[in-house]
Amino acid sequence: MTPNDDKISTFQLGVFIFNTIFGIGILSLPSSLTKAAENDGWILCIISGLLCILFIYLMCYVGQKYSQYGLVGTLKKLFGRFIGSVMILPVIVYFMFFAGIEM
């Protein structure tokens, strides 16, 4: 950022929101998991970690295959114009909700 520029870019805002949500999730997960599962929380942590790795691998694979379209374009390409548009709405609501909480 330049000294006279008091605005952040879209990329900077996206990284800030992602890091905030990710950080809050990392910090609150052990406490929530301990309250819910008590002594078996470590098993849930391992299972959820493996599921996350699987989903991240699938997202990276699809992202590389359709890298020129972006998220919205990829969903529209894979699922059609209407269903792809409907599928992006929960993602938008999710990020707006957590961005609102964190702000």
PDB file of N, CA and C in Angstrom:
ATOM      1  N   MET A   1       0.829  -1.178   0.000  1.00  0.00           N
ATOM      2  CA  MET A   1       0.000   0.000   0.000  1.00  0.00           C
ATOM      3  C   MET A   1       0.876   1.244   0.000  1.00  0.00           C
ATOM      4  N   THR A   2       0.478   2.211  -0.747  1.00  0.00           N
ATOM      5  CA  THR A   2       1.196   3.478  -0.774  1.00  0.00           C
ATOM      6  C   THR A   2       0.788   4.323   0.430  1.00  0.00           C
ATOM      7  N   PRO A   3       1.626   5.292   0.856  1.00  0.00           N
ATOM      8  CA  PRO A   3       1.320   6.072   2.057  1.00  0.00           C
ATOM      9  C   PRO A   3      -0.003   6.844   1.990  1.00  0.00           C
ATOM     10  N   ASN A   4      -0.401   7.342   0.826  1.00  0.00           N
ATOM     11  CA  ASN A   4      -1.619   8.134   0.709  1.00  0.00           C
ATOM     12  C   ASN A   4      -2.837   7.293   0.351  1.00  0.00           C
ATOM     13  N   ASP A   5      -2.663   6.012   0.233  1.00  0.00           N
ATOM     14  CA  ASP A   5      -3.759   5.131  -0.157  1.00  0.00           C
ATOM     15  C   ASP A   5      -4.341   4.480   1.096  1.00  0.00           C
ATOM     16  N   ASP A   6      -5.541   4.902   1.496  1.00  0.00           N
ATOM     17  CA  ASP A   6      -6.143   4.357   2.704  1.00  0.00           C
ATOM     18  C   ASP A   6      -7.187   3.290   2.407  1.00  0.00           C
ATOM     19  N   LYS A   7      -7.161   2.749   1.204  1.00  0.00           N
ATOM     20  CA  LYS A   7      -8.106   1.713   0.824  1.00  0.00           C
ATOM     21  C   LYS A   7      -7.376   0.381   0.706  1.00  0.00           C
ATOM     22  N   ILE A   8      -8.113  -0.700   0.993  1.00  0.00           N
ATOM     23  CA  ILE A   8      -7.529  -2.021   0.797  1.00  0.00           C
ATOM     24  C   ILE A   8      -8.110  -2.616  -0.478  1.00  0.00           C
ATOM     25  N   SER A   9      -7.333  -3.461  -1.097  1.00  0.00           N
ATOM     26  CA  SER A   9      -7.780  -4.073  -2.349  1.00  0.00           C
ATOM     27  C   SER A   9      -8.739  -5.220  -2.056  1.00  0.00           C
ATOM     28  N   THR A  10      -9.387  -5.692  -3.099  1.00  0.00           N
ATOM     29  CA  THR A  10     -10.297  -6.824  -2.962  1.00  0.00           C
ATOM     30  C   THR A  10      -9.544  -8.059  -2.487  1.00  0.00           C
ATOM     31  N   PHE A  11      -8.347  -8.260  -3.019  1.00  0.00           N
ATOM     32  CA  PHE A  11      -7.532  -9.405  -2.614  1.00  0.00           C
ATOM     33  C   PHE A  11      -7.171  -9.320  -1.133  1.00  0.00           C
ATOM     34  N   GLN A  12      -6.777  -8.128  -0.673  1.00  0.00           N
ATOM     35  CA  GLN A  12      -6.422  -7.956   0.725  1.00  0.00           C
ATOM     36  C   GLN A  12      -7.618  -8.211   1.638  1.00  0.00           C
ATOM     37  N   LEU A  13      -8.792  -7.765   1.237  1.00  0.00           N
ATOM     38  CA  LEU A  13      -9.999  -8.011   2.025  1.00  0.00           C
ATOM     39  C   LEU A  13     -10.307  -9.503   2.085  1.00  0.00           C
ATOM     40  N   GLY A  14     -10.189 -10.185   0.954  1.00  0.00           N
ATOM     41  CA  GLY A  14     -10.439 -11.625   0.926  1.00  0.00           C
ATOM     42  C   GLY A  14      -9.483 -12.388   1.824  1.00  0.00           C
ATOM     43  N   VAL A  15      -8.199 -12.031   1.773  1.00  0.00           N
ATOM     44  CA  VAL A  15      -7.208 -12.704   2.616  1.00  0.00           C
ATOM     45  C   VAL A  15      -7.485 -12.420   4.091  1.00  0.00           C
ATOM     46  N   PHE A  16      -7.852 -11.180   4.400  1.00  0.00           N
ATOM     47  CA  PHE A  16      -8.164 -10.824   5.785  1.00  0.00           C
ATOM     48  C   PHE A  16      -9.350 -11.625   6.314  1.00  0.00           C
ATOM     49  N   ILE A  17     -10.415 -11.699   5.539  1.00  0.00           N
ATOM     50  CA  ILE A  17     -11.605 -12.435   5.968  1.00  0.00           C
ATOM     51  C   ILE A  17     -11.285 -13.923   6.128  1.00  0.00           C
ATOM     52  N   PHE A  18     -10.557 -14.490   5.161  1.00  0.00           N
ATOM     53  CA  PHE A  18     -10.197 -15.905   5.248  1.00  0.00           C
ATOM     54  C   PHE A  18      -9.357 -16.177   6.488  1.00  0.00           C
ATOM     55  N   ASN A  19      -8.344 -15.381   6.725  1.00  0.00           N
ATOM     56  CA  ASN A  19      -7.470 -15.598   7.883  1.00  0.00           C
ATOM     57  C   ASN A  19      -8.214 -15.424   9.199  1.00  0.00           C
ATOM     58  N   THR A  20      -9.134 -14.486   9.247  1.00  0.00           N
ATOM     59  CA  THR A  20      -9.904 -14.275  10.474  1.00  0.00           C
ATOM     60  C   THR A  20     -10.792 -15.469  10.772  1.00  0.00           C
ATOM     61  N   ILE A  21     -11.527 -15.917   9.770  1.00  0.00           N
ATOM     62  CA  ILE A  21     -12.417 -17.065   9.960  1.00  0.00           C
ATOM     63  C   ILE A  21     -11.617 -18.318  10.276  1.00  0.00           C
ATOM     64  N   PHE A  22     -10.526 -18.523   9.568  1.00  0.00           N
ATOM     65  CA  PHE A  22      -9.677 -19.685   9.793  1.00  0.00           C
ATOM     66  C   PHE A  22      -9.081 -19.645  11.203  1.00  0.00           C
ATOM     67  N   GLY A  23      -8.614 -18.488  11.634  1.00  0.00           N
ATOM     68  CA  GLY A  23      -8.019 -18.346  12.959  1.00  0.00           C
ATOM     69  C   GLY A  23      -9.016 -18.591  14.069  1.00  0.00           C
ATOM     70  N   ILE A  24     -10.222 -18.063  13.925  1.00  0.00           N
ATOM     71  CA  ILE A  24     -11.247 -18.274  14.937  1.00  0.00           C
ATOM     72  C   ILE A  24     -11.623 -19.753  15.008  1.00  0.00           C
ATOM     73  N   GLY A  25     -11.707 -20.406  13.862  1.00  0.00           N
ATOM     74  CA  GLY A  25     -12.019 -21.833  13.847  1.00  0.00           C
ATOM     75  C   GLY A  25     -10.953 -22.655  14.536  1.00  0.00           C
ATOM     76  N   ILE A  26      -9.696 -22.326  14.288  1.00  0.00           N
ATOM     77  CA  ILE A  26      -8.591 -23.063  14.901  1.00  0.00           C
ATOM     78  C   ILE A  26      -8.588 -22.865  16.417  1.00  0.00           C
ATOM     79  N   LEU A  27      -8.869 -21.631  16.864  1.00  0.00           N
ATOM     80  CA  LEU A  27      -8.806 -21.351  18.294  1.00  0.00           C
ATOM     81  C   LEU A  27     -10.001 -21.907  19.068  1.00  0.00           C
ATOM     82  N   SER A  28     -11.166 -21.983  18.422  1.00  0.00           N
ATOM     83  CA  SER A  28     -12.357 -22.426  19.143  1.00  0.00           C
ATOM     84  C   SER A  28     -12.635 -23.923  18.991  1.00  0.00           C
ATOM     85  N   LEU A  29     -12.011 -24.594  18.054  1.00  0.00           N
ATOM     86  CA  LEU A  29     -12.280 -26.019  17.820  1.00  0.00           C
ATOM     87  C   LEU A  29     -11.981 -26.904  19.031  1.00  0.00           C
ATOM     88  N   PRO A  30     -10.816 -26.805  19.650  1.00  0.00           N
ATOM     89  CA  PRO A  30     -10.553 -27.719  20.781  1.00  0.00           C
ATOM     90  C   PRO A  30     -11.557 -27.565  21.919  1.00  0.00           C
ATOM     91  N   SER A  31     -11.939 -26.345  22.216  1.00  0.00           N
ATOM     92  CA  SER A  31     -12.901 -26.122  23.300  1.00  0.00           C
ATOM     93  C   SER A  31     -14.266 -26.713  22.958  1.00  0.00           C
ATOM     94  N   SER A  32     -14.752 -26.450  21.756  1.00  0.00           N
ATOM     95  CA  SER A  32     -16.054 -26.984  21.336  1.00  0.00           C
ATOM     96  C   SER A  32     -16.030 -28.508  21.272  1.00  0.00           C
ATOM     97  N   LEU A  33     -14.938 -29.045  20.775  1.00  0.00           N
ATOM     98  CA  LEU A  33     -14.814 -30.496  20.642  1.00  0.00           C
ATOM     99  C   LEU A  33     -14.770 -31.175  22.007  1.00  0.00           C
ATOM    100  N   THR A  34     -14.083 -30.584  22.955  1.00  0.00           N
ATOM    101  CA  THR A  34     -14.002 -31.155  24.293  1.00  0.00           C
ATOM    102  C   THR A  34     -15.360 -31.146  24.987  1.00  0.00           C
ATOM    103  N   LYS A  35     -16.115 -30.068  24.795  1.00  0.00           N
ATOM    104  CA  LYS A  35     -17.442 -29.994  25.402  1.00  0.00           C
ATOM    105  C   LYS A  35     -18.398 -31.024  24.797  1.00  0.00           C
ATOM    106  N   ALA A  36     -18.296 -31.245  23.491  1.00  0.00           N
ATOM    107  CA  ALA A  36     -19.233 -32.143  22.809  1.00  0.00           C
ATOM    108  C   ALA A  36     -18.873 -33.615  22.977  1.00  0.00           C
ATOM    109  N   ALA A  37     -17.597 -33.952  22.824  1.00  0.00           N
ATOM    110  CA  ALA A  37     -17.214 -35.363  22.770  1.00  0.00           C
ATOM    111  C   ALA A  37     -16.430 -35.844  23.989  1.00  0.00           C
ATOM    112  N   GLU A  38     -16.072 -34.955  24.869  1.00  0.00           N
ATOM    113  CA  GLU A  38     -15.308 -35.268  26.067  1.00  0.00           C
ATOM    114  C   GLU A  38     -14.008 -35.994  25.729  1.00  0.00           C
ATOM    115  N   ASN A  39     -13.811 -37.222  26.183  1.00  0.00           N
ATOM    116  CA  ASN A  39     -12.529 -37.908  26.004  1.00  0.00           C
ATOM    117  C   ASN A  39     -12.304 -38.437  24.586  1.00  0.00           C
ATOM    118  N   ASP A  40     -13.360 -38.549  23.796  1.00  0.00           N
ATOM    119  CA  ASP A  40     -13.215 -39.082  22.443  1.00  0.00           C
ATOM    120  C   ASP A  40     -13.021 -37.984  21.401  1.00  0.00           C
ATOM    121  N   GLY A  41     -12.719 -36.801  21.829  1.00  0.00           N
ATOM    122  CA  GLY A  41     -12.557 -35.677  20.910  1.00  0.00           C
ATOM    123  C   GLY A  41     -11.402 -35.855  19.939  1.00  0.00           C
ATOM    124  N   TRP A  42     -10.353 -36.534  20.349  1.00  0.00           N
ATOM    125  CA  TRP A  42      -9.207 -36.714  19.470  1.00  0.00           C
ATOM    126  C   TRP A  42      -9.563 -37.569  18.256  1.00  0.00           C
ATOM    127  N   ILE A  43     -10.492 -38.533  18.432  1.00  0.00           N
ATOM    128  CA  ILE A  43     -10.915 -39.374  17.304  1.00  0.00           C
ATOM    129  C   ILE A  43     -11.654 -38.518  16.275  1.00  0.00           C
ATOM    130  N   LEU A  44     -12.542 -37.656  16.750  1.00  0.00           N
ATOM    131  CA  LEU A  44     -13.262 -36.759  15.841  1.00  0.00           C
ATOM    132  C   LEU A  44     -12.320 -35.806  15.132  1.00  0.00           C
ATOM    133  N   CYS A  45     -11.287 -35.371  15.837  1.00  0.00           N
ATOM    134  CA  CYS A  45     -10.299 -34.471  15.230  1.00  0.00           C
ATOM    135  C   CYS A  45      -9.578 -35.163  14.069  1.00  0.00           C
ATOM    136  N   ILE A  46      -9.199 -36.392  14.256  1.00  0.00           N
ATOM    137  CA  ILE A  46      -8.505 -37.132  13.196  1.00  0.00           C
ATOM    138  C   ILE A  46      -9.439 -37.389  12.016  1.00  0.00           C
ATOM    139  N   ILE A  47     -10.669 -37.828  12.288  1.00  0.00           N
ATOM    140  CA  ILE A  47     -11.622 -38.109  11.213  1.00  0.00           C
ATOM    141  C   ILE A  47     -11.952 -36.842  10.440  1.00  0.00           C
ATOM    142  N   SER A  48     -12.210 -35.757  11.152  1.00  0.00           N
ATOM    143  CA  SER A  48     -12.536 -34.512  10.450  1.00  0.00           C
ATOM    144  C   SER A  48     -11.331 -33.982   9.675  1.00  0.00           C
ATOM    145  N   GLY A  49     -10.133 -34.180  10.208  1.00  0.00           N
ATOM    146  CA  GLY A  49      -8.934 -33.770   9.482  1.00  0.00           C
ATOM    147  C   GLY A  49      -8.770 -34.541   8.177  1.00  0.00           C
ATOM    148  N   LEU A  50      -9.015 -35.848   8.218  1.00  0.00           N
ATOM    149  CA  LEU A  50      -8.914 -36.657   6.999  1.00  0.00           C
ATOM    150  C   LEU A  50      -9.985 -36.267   5.977  1.00  0.00           C
ATOM    151  N   LEU A  51     -11.201 -35.992   6.457  1.00  0.00           N
ATOM    152  CA  LEU A  51     -12.259 -35.540   5.539  1.00  0.00           C
ATOM    153  C   LEU A  51     -11.908 -34.186   4.910  1.00  0.00           C
ATOM    154  N   CYS A  52     -11.330 -33.307   5.714  1.00  0.00           N
ATOM    155  CA  CYS A  52     -10.916 -32.004   5.182  1.00  0.00           C
ATOM    156  C   CYS A  52      -9.841 -32.168   4.111  1.00  0.00           C
ATOM    157  N   ILE A  53      -8.899 -33.060   4.351  1.00  0.00           N
ATOM    158  CA  ILE A  53      -7.850 -33.296   3.355  1.00  0.00           C
ATOM    159  C   ILE A  53      -8.467 -33.809   2.056  1.00  0.00           C
ATOM    160  N   LEU A  54      -9.425 -34.723   2.146  1.00  0.00           N
ATOM    161  CA  LEU A  54     -10.096 -35.251   0.960  1.00  0.00           C
ATOM    162  C   LEU A  54     -10.818 -34.132   0.200  1.00  0.00           C
ATOM    163  N   PHE A  55     -11.589 -33.315   0.915  1.00  0.00           N
ATOM    164  CA  PHE A  55     -12.328 -32.238   0.255  1.00  0.00           C
ATOM    165  C   PHE A  55     -11.390 -31.190  -0.335  1.00  0.00           C
ATOM    166  N   ILE A  56     -10.301 -30.882   0.343  1.00  0.00           N
ATOM    167  CA  ILE A  56      -9.334 -29.920  -0.201  1.00  0.00           C
ATOM    168  C   ILE A  56      -8.697 -30.470  -1.459  1.00  0.00           C
ATOM    169  N   TYR A  57      -8.383 -31.770  -1.468  1.00  0.00           N
ATOM    170  CA  TYR A  57      -7.820 -32.390  -2.665  1.00  0.00           C
ATOM    171  C   TYR A  57      -8.804 -32.289  -3.836  1.00  0.00           C
ATOM    172  N   LEU A  58     -10.079 -32.596  -3.581  1.00  0.00           N
ATOM    173  CA  LEU A  58     -11.090 -32.510  -4.640  1.00  0.00           C
ATOM    174  C   LEU A  58     -11.263 -31.071  -5.141  1.00  0.00           C
ATOM    175  N   MET A  59     -11.266 -30.113  -4.203  1.00  0.00           N
ATOM    176  CA  MET A  59     -11.400 -28.718  -4.615  1.00  0.00           C
ATOM    177  C   MET A  59     -10.204 -28.255  -5.435  1.00  0.00           C
ATOM    178  N   CYS A  60      -9.007 -28.683  -5.048  1.00  0.00           N
ATOM    179  CA  CYS A  60      -7.812 -28.312  -5.809  1.00  0.00           C
ATOM    180  C   CYS A  60      -7.836 -28.934  -7.204  1.00  0.00           C
ATOM    181  N   TYR A  61      -8.279 -30.183  -7.290  1.00  0.00           N
ATOM    182  CA  TYR A  61      -8.357 -30.861  -8.584  1.00  0.00           C
ATOM    183  C   TYR A  61      -9.324 -30.136  -9.525  1.00  0.00           C
ATOM    184  N   VAL A  62     -10.511 -29.833  -9.014  1.00  0.00           N
ATOM    185  CA  VAL A  62     -11.513 -29.122  -9.825  1.00  0.00           C
ATOM    186  C   VAL A  62     -11.021 -27.712 -10.135  1.00  0.00           C
ATOM    187  N   GLY A  63     -10.375 -27.067  -9.157  1.00  0.00           N
ATOM    188  CA  GLY A  63      -9.853 -25.718  -9.369  1.00  0.00           C
ATOM    189  C   GLY A  63      -8.789 -25.669 -10.447  1.00  0.00           C
ATOM    190  N   GLN A  64      -7.928 -26.678 -10.507  1.00  0.00           N
ATOM    191  CA  GLN A  64      -6.908 -26.728 -11.549  1.00  0.00           C
ATOM    192  C   GLN A  64      -7.522 -27.004 -12.915  1.00  0.00           C
ATOM    193  N   LYS A  65      -8.526 -27.864 -12.941  1.00  0.00           N
ATOM    194  CA  LYS A  65      -9.155 -28.223 -14.210  1.00  0.00           C
ATOM    195  C   LYS A  65      -9.923 -27.051 -14.811  1.00  0.00           C
ATOM    196  N   TYR A  66     -10.585 -26.258 -13.959  1.00  0.00           N
ATOM    197  CA  TYR A  66     -11.386 -25.124 -14.420  1.00  0.00           C
ATOM    198  C   TYR A  66     -10.839 -23.810 -13.874  1.00  0.00           C
ATOM    199  N   SER A  67      -9.528 -23.637 -13.891  1.00  0.00           N
ATOM    200  CA  SER A  67      -8.907 -22.467 -13.274  1.00  0.00           C
ATOM    201  C   SER A  67      -9.278 -21.149 -13.952  1.00  0.00           C
ATOM    202  N   GLN A  68      -9.652 -21.172 -15.202  1.00  0.00           N
ATOM    203  CA  GLN A  68      -9.955 -19.936 -15.913  1.00  0.00           C
ATOM    204  C   GLN A  68     -11.346 -19.392 -15.594  1.00  0.00           C
ATOM    205  N   TYR A  69     -12.199 -20.140 -14.892  1.00  0.00           N
ATOM    206  CA  TYR A  69     -13.581 -19.728 -14.655  1.00  0.00           C
ATOM    207  C   TYR A  69     -13.822 -19.079 -13.297  1.00  0.00           C
ATOM    208  N   GLY A  70     -13.035 -19.357 -12.284  1.00  0.00           N
ATOM    209  CA  GLY A  70     -13.318 -18.877 -10.943  1.00  0.00           C
ATOM    210  C   GLY A  70     -14.385 -19.750 -10.289  1.00  0.00           C
ATOM    211  N   LEU A  71     -14.737 -19.426  -9.035  1.00  0.00           N
ATOM    212  CA  LEU A  71     -15.677 -20.263  -8.291  1.00  0.00           C
ATOM    213  C   LEU A  71     -17.071 -20.242  -8.903  1.00  0.00           C
ATOM    214  N   VAL A  72     -17.594 -19.064  -9.157  1.00  0.00           N
ATOM    215  CA  VAL A  72     -18.955 -18.951  -9.707  1.00  0.00           C
ATOM    216  C   VAL A  72     -19.021 -19.561 -11.101  1.00  0.00           C
ATOM    217  N   GLY A  73     -18.050 -19.263 -11.932  1.00  0.00           N
ATOM    218  CA  GLY A  73     -18.021 -19.811 -13.278  1.00  0.00           C
ATOM    219  C   GLY A  73     -17.881 -21.320 -13.295  1.00  0.00           C
ATOM    220  N   THR A  74     -17.080 -21.844 -12.377  1.00  0.00           N
ATOM    221  CA  THR A  74     -16.904 -23.290 -12.295  1.00  0.00           C
ATOM    222  C   THR A  74     -18.210 -23.977 -11.896  1.00  0.00           C
ATOM    223  N   LEU A  75     -18.901 -23.432 -10.896  1.00  0.00           N
ATOM    224  CA  LEU A  75     -20.182 -24.022 -10.494  1.00  0.00           C
ATOM    225  C   LEU A  75     -21.201 -23.960 -11.627  1.00  0.00           C
ATOM    226  N   LYS A  76     -21.231 -22.846 -12.353  1.00  0.00           N
ATOM    227  CA  LYS A  76     -22.160 -22.738 -13.484  1.00  0.00           C
ATOM    228  C   LYS A  76     -21.777 -23.703 -14.593  1.00  0.00           C
ATOM    229  N   LYS A  77     -20.484 -23.909 -14.811  1.00  0.00           N
ATOM    230  CA  LYS A  77     -20.017 -24.834 -15.851  1.00  0.00           C
ATOM    231  C   LYS A  77     -20.344 -26.290 -15.480  1.00  0.00           C
ATOM    232  N   LEU A  78     -20.163 -26.645 -14.217  1.00  0.00           N
ATOM    233  CA  LEU A  78     -20.377 -28.026 -13.799  1.00  0.00           C
ATOM    234  C   LEU A  78     -21.847 -28.376 -13.604  1.00  0.00           C
ATOM    235  N   PHE A  79     -22.643 -27.426 -13.079  1.00  0.00           N
ATOM    236  CA  PHE A  79     -24.009 -27.746 -12.694  1.00  0.00           C
ATOM    237  C   PHE A  79     -25.076 -27.003 -13.492  1.00  0.00           C
ATOM    238  N   GLY A  80     -24.680 -26.191 -14.446  1.00  0.00           N
ATOM    239  CA  GLY A  80     -25.648 -25.417 -15.207  1.00  0.00           C
ATOM    240  C   GLY A  80     -25.822 -24.029 -14.627  1.00  0.00           C
ATOM    241  N   ARG A  81     -26.431 -23.148 -15.404  1.00  0.00           N
ATOM    242  CA  ARG A  81     -26.527 -21.745 -15.004  1.00  0.00           C
ATOM    243  C   ARG A  81     -27.388 -21.551 -13.753  1.00  0.00           C
ATOM    244  N   PHE A  82     -28.560 -22.149 -13.712  1.00  0.00           N
ATOM    245  CA  PHE A  82     -29.466 -21.940 -12.588  1.00  0.00           C
ATOM    246  C   PHE A  82     -28.966 -22.622 -11.316  1.00  0.00           C
ATOM    247  N   ILE A  83     -28.662 -23.904 -11.396  1.00  0.00           N
ATOM    248  CA  ILE A  83     -28.236 -24.654 -10.211  1.00  0.00           C
ATOM    249  C   ILE A  83     -26.895 -24.132  -9.701  1.00  0.00           C
ATOM    250  N   GLY A  84     -25.992 -23.773 -10.604  1.00  0.00           N
ATOM    251  CA  GLY A  84     -24.718 -23.196 -10.190  1.00  0.00           C
ATOM    252  C   GLY A  84     -24.898 -21.889  -9.440  1.00  0.00           C
ATOM    253  N   SER A  85     -25.851 -21.057  -9.905  1.00  0.00           N
ATOM    254  CA  SER A  85     -26.133 -19.797  -9.209  1.00  0.00           C
ATOM    255  C   SER A  85     -26.746 -20.041  -7.836  1.00  0.00           C
ATOM    256  N   VAL A  86     -27.603 -21.037  -7.745  1.00  0.00           N
ATOM    257  CA  VAL A  86     -28.222 -21.361  -6.459  1.00  0.00           C
ATOM    258  C   VAL A  86     -27.175 -21.927  -5.500  1.00  0.00           C
ATOM    259  N   MET A  87     -26.218 -22.698  -6.003  1.00  0.00           N
ATOM    260  CA  MET A  87     -25.199 -23.306  -5.153  1.00  0.00           C
ATOM    261  C   MET A  87     -24.223 -22.282  -4.589  1.00  0.00           C
ATOM    262  N   ILE A  88     -24.044 -21.155  -5.255  1.00  0.00           N
ATOM    263  CA  ILE A  88     -23.109 -20.150  -4.760  1.00  0.00           C
ATOM    264  C   ILE A  88     -23.729 -19.314  -3.642  1.00  0.00           C
ATOM    265  N   LEU A  89     -25.059 -19.275  -3.554  1.00  0.00           N
ATOM    266  CA  LEU A  89     -25.721 -18.463  -2.533  1.00  0.00           C
ATOM    267  C   LEU A  89     -25.335 -18.849  -1.101  1.00  0.00           C
ATOM    268  N   PRO A  90     -25.304 -20.138  -0.735  1.00  0.00           N
ATOM    269  CA  PRO A  90     -24.867 -20.472   0.635  1.00  0.00           C
ATOM    270  C   PRO A  90     -23.427 -20.042   0.918  1.00  0.00           C
ATOM    271  N   VAL A  91     -22.571 -20.093  -0.072  1.00  0.00           N
ATOM    272  CA  VAL A  91     -21.180 -19.666   0.113  1.00  0.00           C
ATOM    273  C   VAL A  91     -21.138 -18.166   0.399  1.00  0.00           C
ATOM    274  N   ILE A  92     -21.906 -17.399  -0.357  1.00  0.00           N
ATOM    275  CA  ILE A  92     -21.946 -15.953  -0.157  1.00  0.00           C
ATOM    276  C   ILE A  92     -22.515 -15.625   1.225  1.00  0.00           C
ATOM    277  N   VAL A  93     -23.601 -16.285   1.597  1.00  0.00           N
ATOM    278  CA  VAL A  93     -24.216 -16.035   2.905  1.00  0.00           C
ATOM    279  C   VAL A  93     -23.249 -16.430   4.021  1.00  0.00           C
ATOM    280  N   TYR A  94     -22.565 -17.550   3.862  1.00  0.00           N
ATOM    281  CA  TYR A  94     -21.595 -18.013   4.865  1.00  0.00           C
ATOM    282  C   TYR A  94     -20.515 -16.965   5.097  1.00  0.00           C
ATOM    283  N   PHE A  95     -19.891 -16.490   4.006  1.00  0.00           N
ATOM    284  CA  PHE A  95     -18.809 -15.522   4.159  1.00  0.00           C
ATOM    285  C   PHE A  95     -19.313 -14.179   4.668  1.00  0.00           C
ATOM    286  N   MET A  96     -20.497 -13.765   4.254  1.00  0.00           N
ATOM    287  CA  MET A  96     -21.040 -12.509   4.760  1.00  0.00           C
ATOM    288  C   MET A  96     -21.368 -12.625   6.246  1.00  0.00           C
ATOM    289  N   PHE A  97     -21.911 -13.756   6.676  1.00  0.00           N
ATOM    290  CA  PHE A  97     -22.250 -13.966   8.078  1.00  0.00           C
ATOM    291  C   PHE A  97     -20.999 -13.915   8.954  1.00  0.00           C
ATOM    292  N   PHE A  98     -19.981 -14.692   8.597  1.00  0.00           N
ATOM    293  CA  PHE A  98     -18.783 -14.718   9.408  1.00  0.00           C
ATOM    294  C   PHE A  98     -17.971 -13.428   9.299  1.00  0.00           C
ATOM    295  N   ALA A  99     -17.995 -12.794   8.150  1.00  0.00           N
ATOM    296  CA  ALA A  99     -17.328 -11.496   8.036  1.00  0.00           C
ATOM    297  C   ALA A  99     -18.028 -10.474   8.926  1.00  0.00           C
ATOM    298  N   GLY A 100     -19.353 -10.518   8.982  1.00  0.00           N
ATOM    299  CA  GLY A 100     -20.094  -9.618   9.856  1.00  0.00           C
ATOM    300  C   GLY A 100     -19.803  -9.872  11.319  1.00  0.00           C
ATOM    301  N   ILE A 101     -19.695 -11.126  11.700  1.00  0.00           N
ATOM    302  CA  ILE A 101     -19.384 -11.466  13.087  1.00  0.00           C
ATOM    303  C   ILE A 101     -17.983 -10.967  13.454  1.00  0.00           C
ATOM    304  N   GLU A 102     -17.039 -11.167  12.557  1.00  0.00           N
ATOM    305  CA  GLU A 102     -15.651 -10.812  12.853  1.00  0.00           C
ATOM    306  C   GLU A 102     -15.407  -9.308  12.803  1.00  0.00           C
ATOM    307  N   MET A 103     -16.160  -8.613  11.983  1.00  0.00           N
ATOM    308  CA  MET A 103     -15.963  -7.161  11.879  1.00  0.00           C
ATOM    309  C   MET A 103     -16.521  -6.497  13.110  1.00  0.00           C
TER     310      MET A 103
END
